[in-house]
Amino acid sequence: MSELQQIKLWDDWDDINLSTPERRIERLEILLCQKVHKGEDISECLQVLEYLKNCTTHQKLESVFFKRVH
């Protein structure tokens, strides 16, 4: 059984932890892989993934900036 087949489907997860951007990105990447495997449209997943990655990068850069200013 492939690694992708071993991952539970999105609907099957009881304890979905989406509390941090990193967790949301991780879950979205899994969903994206599942959709690719099934041959489904992934355009919306890619847009959301890009948005979340940009937000995370922006937050990290902002934190570094404020540390240097202080």
N, C-alpha and C. Protein backbone atom coordinates (compact mmCIF):
# COMPACT_ATOMS: atom_id res chain seq x y z
N MET A 1 0.85 -1.18 0.00
CA MET A 1 0.00 0.00 0.00
C MET A 1 0.90 1.24 0.00
N SER A 2 0.59 2.19 -0.87
CA SER A 2 1.40 3.39 -0.96
C SER A 2 1.16 4.30 0.25
N GLU A 3 2.09 5.23 0.45
CA GLU A 3 1.99 6.17 1.58
C GLU A 3 0.72 7.00 1.47
N LEU A 4 0.36 7.39 0.26
CA LEU A 4 -0.84 8.20 0.05
C LEU A 4 -2.09 7.42 0.44
N GLN A 5 -2.14 6.15 0.16
CA GLN A 5 -3.29 5.33 0.49
C GLN A 5 -3.41 5.11 1.99
N GLN A 6 -2.31 5.18 2.71
CA GLN A 6 -2.32 4.96 4.16
C GLN A 6 -2.85 6.17 4.92
N ILE A 7 -2.81 7.34 4.31
CA ILE A 7 -3.29 8.56 4.97
C ILE A 7 -4.81 8.55 4.96
N LYS A 8 -5.39 8.83 6.11
CA LYS A 8 -6.86 8.85 6.21
C LYS A 8 -7.42 9.98 5.35
N LEU A 9 -8.62 9.77 4.84
CA LEU A 9 -9.28 10.81 4.07
C LEU A 9 -9.66 11.96 4.99
N TRP A 10 -9.79 13.15 4.44
CA TRP A 10 -10.12 14.36 5.20
C TRP A 10 -11.34 14.15 6.08
N ASP A 11 -12.38 13.53 5.54
CA ASP A 11 -13.63 13.34 6.28
C ASP A 11 -13.48 12.36 7.44
N ASP A 12 -12.47 11.52 7.41
CA ASP A 12 -12.29 10.50 8.43
C ASP A 12 -11.53 10.99 9.67
N TRP A 13 -10.95 12.16 9.61
CA TRP A 13 -10.13 12.63 10.72
C TRP A 13 -11.01 13.17 11.84
N ASP A 14 -10.85 12.60 13.01
CA ASP A 14 -11.63 13.05 14.16
C ASP A 14 -10.97 14.24 14.86
N ASP A 15 -9.65 14.26 14.90
CA ASP A 15 -8.92 15.29 15.64
C ASP A 15 -8.15 16.20 14.69
N ILE A 16 -8.84 16.89 13.83
CA ILE A 16 -8.15 17.79 12.91
C ILE A 16 -7.72 19.03 13.70
N ASN A 17 -6.41 19.23 13.78
CA ASN A 17 -5.86 20.37 14.50
C ASN A 17 -5.43 21.41 13.48
N LEU A 18 -6.21 22.47 13.38
CA LEU A 18 -5.91 23.55 12.42
C LEU A 18 -5.59 24.84 13.16
N SER A 19 -5.00 24.70 14.33
CA SER A 19 -4.78 25.86 15.19
C SER A 19 -3.64 26.76 14.74
N THR A 20 -2.73 26.26 13.94
CA THR A 20 -1.61 27.08 13.49
C THR A 20 -1.54 27.05 11.96
N PRO A 21 -0.93 28.07 11.37
CA PRO A 21 -0.77 28.05 9.91
C PRO A 21 -0.01 26.82 9.42
N GLU A 22 0.98 26.39 10.19
CA GLU A 22 1.75 25.22 9.80
C GLU A 22 0.87 23.97 9.74
N ARG A 23 -0.02 23.82 10.72
CA ARG A 23 -0.95 22.67 10.73
C ARG A 23 -1.91 22.74 9.55
N ARG A 24 -2.40 23.94 9.26
CA ARG A 24 -3.33 24.10 8.13
C ARG A 24 -2.63 23.77 6.81
N ILE A 25 -1.39 24.21 6.67
CA ILE A 25 -0.62 23.92 5.46
C ILE A 25 -0.41 22.41 5.33
N GLU A 26 -0.04 21.77 6.44
CA GLU A 26 0.18 20.33 6.42
C GLU A 26 -1.07 19.57 5.97
N ARG A 27 -2.22 19.92 6.53
CA ARG A 27 -3.48 19.25 6.17
C ARG A 27 -3.87 19.55 4.73
N LEU A 28 -3.64 20.78 4.29
CA LEU A 28 -3.98 21.14 2.92
C LEU A 28 -3.08 20.40 1.93
N GLU A 29 -1.81 20.22 2.28
CA GLU A 29 -0.92 19.46 1.41
C GLU A 29 -1.38 18.02 1.28
N ILE A 30 -1.86 17.44 2.38
CA ILE A 30 -2.38 16.07 2.33
C ILE A 30 -3.62 16.01 1.44
N LEU A 31 -4.52 16.96 1.63
CA LEU A 31 -5.73 17.02 0.81
C LEU A 31 -5.38 17.19 -0.67
N LEU A 32 -4.41 18.04 -0.94
CA LEU A 32 -3.95 18.27 -2.30
C LEU A 32 -3.44 16.96 -2.92
N CYS A 33 -2.62 16.23 -2.19
CA CYS A 33 -2.09 14.96 -2.70
C CYS A 33 -3.21 13.97 -2.95
N GLN A 34 -4.20 13.93 -2.08
CA GLN A 34 -5.32 13.02 -2.26
C GLN A 34 -6.12 13.38 -3.51
N LYS A 35 -6.32 14.68 -3.73
CA LYS A 35 -7.07 15.12 -4.91
C LYS A 35 -6.29 14.79 -6.19
N VAL A 36 -4.99 14.98 -6.18
CA VAL A 36 -4.17 14.65 -7.34
C VAL A 36 -4.27 13.15 -7.62
N HIS A 37 -4.19 12.36 -6.57
CA HIS A 37 -4.27 10.91 -6.70
C HIS A 37 -5.60 10.48 -7.31
N LYS A 38 -6.68 11.20 -6.97
CA LYS A 38 -8.02 10.87 -7.48
C LYS A 38 -8.30 11.52 -8.83
N GLY A 39 -7.42 12.43 -9.28
CA GLY A 39 -7.62 13.11 -10.54
C GLY A 39 -8.60 14.27 -10.46
N GLU A 40 -8.78 14.83 -9.27
CA GLU A 40 -9.73 15.93 -9.07
C GLU A 40 -9.06 17.28 -9.31
N ASP A 41 -9.87 18.32 -9.44
CA ASP A 41 -9.38 19.69 -9.63
C ASP A 41 -8.70 20.18 -8.35
N ILE A 42 -7.48 20.68 -8.49
CA ILE A 42 -6.72 21.11 -7.32
C ILE A 42 -6.48 22.62 -7.31
N SER A 43 -7.08 23.36 -8.23
CA SER A 43 -6.79 24.79 -8.36
C SER A 43 -7.10 25.56 -7.07
N GLU A 44 -8.23 25.30 -6.43
CA GLU A 44 -8.56 26.01 -5.20
C GLU A 44 -7.61 25.64 -4.07
N CYS A 45 -7.22 24.39 -3.98
CA CYS A 45 -6.27 23.97 -2.95
C CYS A 45 -4.94 24.70 -3.13
N LEU A 46 -4.50 24.83 -4.37
CA LEU A 46 -3.24 25.52 -4.63
C LEU A 46 -3.31 26.99 -4.23
N GLN A 47 -4.44 27.63 -4.49
CA GLN A 47 -4.61 29.03 -4.12
C GLN A 47 -4.56 29.20 -2.60
N VAL A 48 -5.25 28.35 -1.89
CA VAL A 48 -5.28 28.44 -0.43
C VAL A 48 -3.91 28.12 0.15
N LEU A 49 -3.26 27.11 -0.39
CA LEU A 49 -1.93 26.75 0.08
C LEU A 49 -0.95 27.90 -0.10
N GLU A 50 -1.00 28.54 -1.24
CA GLU A 50 -0.12 29.70 -1.51
C GLU A 50 -0.42 30.83 -0.52
N TYR A 51 -1.69 31.08 -0.28
CA TYR A 51 -2.08 32.12 0.66
C TYR A 51 -1.54 31.81 2.06
N LEU A 52 -1.73 30.58 2.53
CA LEU A 52 -1.27 30.22 3.87
C LEU A 52 0.25 30.29 4.00
N LYS A 53 0.95 29.86 2.97
CA LYS A 53 2.41 29.93 3.01
C LYS A 53 2.87 31.39 3.03
N ASN A 54 2.22 32.25 2.26
CA ASN A 54 2.57 33.67 2.27
C ASN A 54 2.30 34.30 3.63
N CYS A 55 1.19 33.94 4.26
CA CYS A 55 0.86 34.47 5.58
C CYS A 55 1.90 34.05 6.61
N THR A 56 2.29 32.80 6.56
CA THR A 56 3.28 32.28 7.50
C THR A 56 4.61 33.00 7.31
N THR A 57 5.03 33.15 6.07
CA THR A 57 6.29 33.84 5.77
C THR A 57 6.21 35.29 6.24
N HIS A 58 5.10 35.94 5.99
CA HIS A 58 4.91 37.33 6.39
C HIS A 58 4.98 37.47 7.91
N GLN A 59 4.35 36.56 8.64
CA GLN A 59 4.37 36.61 10.11
C GLN A 59 5.79 36.43 10.64
N LYS A 60 6.54 35.52 10.05
CA LYS A 60 7.92 35.29 10.50
C LYS A 60 8.80 36.50 10.21
N LEU A 61 8.64 37.09 9.03
CA LEU A 61 9.43 38.27 8.69
C LEU A 61 9.07 39.45 9.59
N GLU A 62 7.80 39.59 9.88
CA GLU A 62 7.34 40.66 10.76
C GLU A 62 7.95 40.50 12.15
N SER A 63 8.00 39.28 12.63
CA SER A 63 8.58 39.01 13.95
C SER A 63 10.06 39.36 13.98
N VAL A 64 10.80 38.97 12.96
CA VAL A 64 12.23 39.29 12.88
C VAL A 64 12.42 40.80 12.80
N PHE A 65 11.61 41.47 12.03
CA PHE A 65 11.71 42.92 11.89
C PHE A 65 11.52 43.62 13.23
N PHE A 66 10.47 43.24 13.96
CA PHE A 66 10.20 43.88 15.24
C PHE A 66 11.27 43.59 16.28
N LYS A 67 11.86 42.41 16.23
CA LYS A 67 12.95 42.08 17.15
C LYS A 67 14.16 42.97 16.87
N ARG A 68 14.43 43.19 15.61
CA ARG A 68 15.58 44.02 15.24
C ARG A 68 15.33 45.49 15.58
N VAL A 69 14.10 45.95 15.46
CA VAL A 69 13.77 47.33 15.76
C VAL A 69 13.91 47.61 17.26
N HIS A 70 13.52 46.63 18.05
CA HIS A 70 13.61 46.82 19.50
C HIS A 70 15.00 46.52 19.93
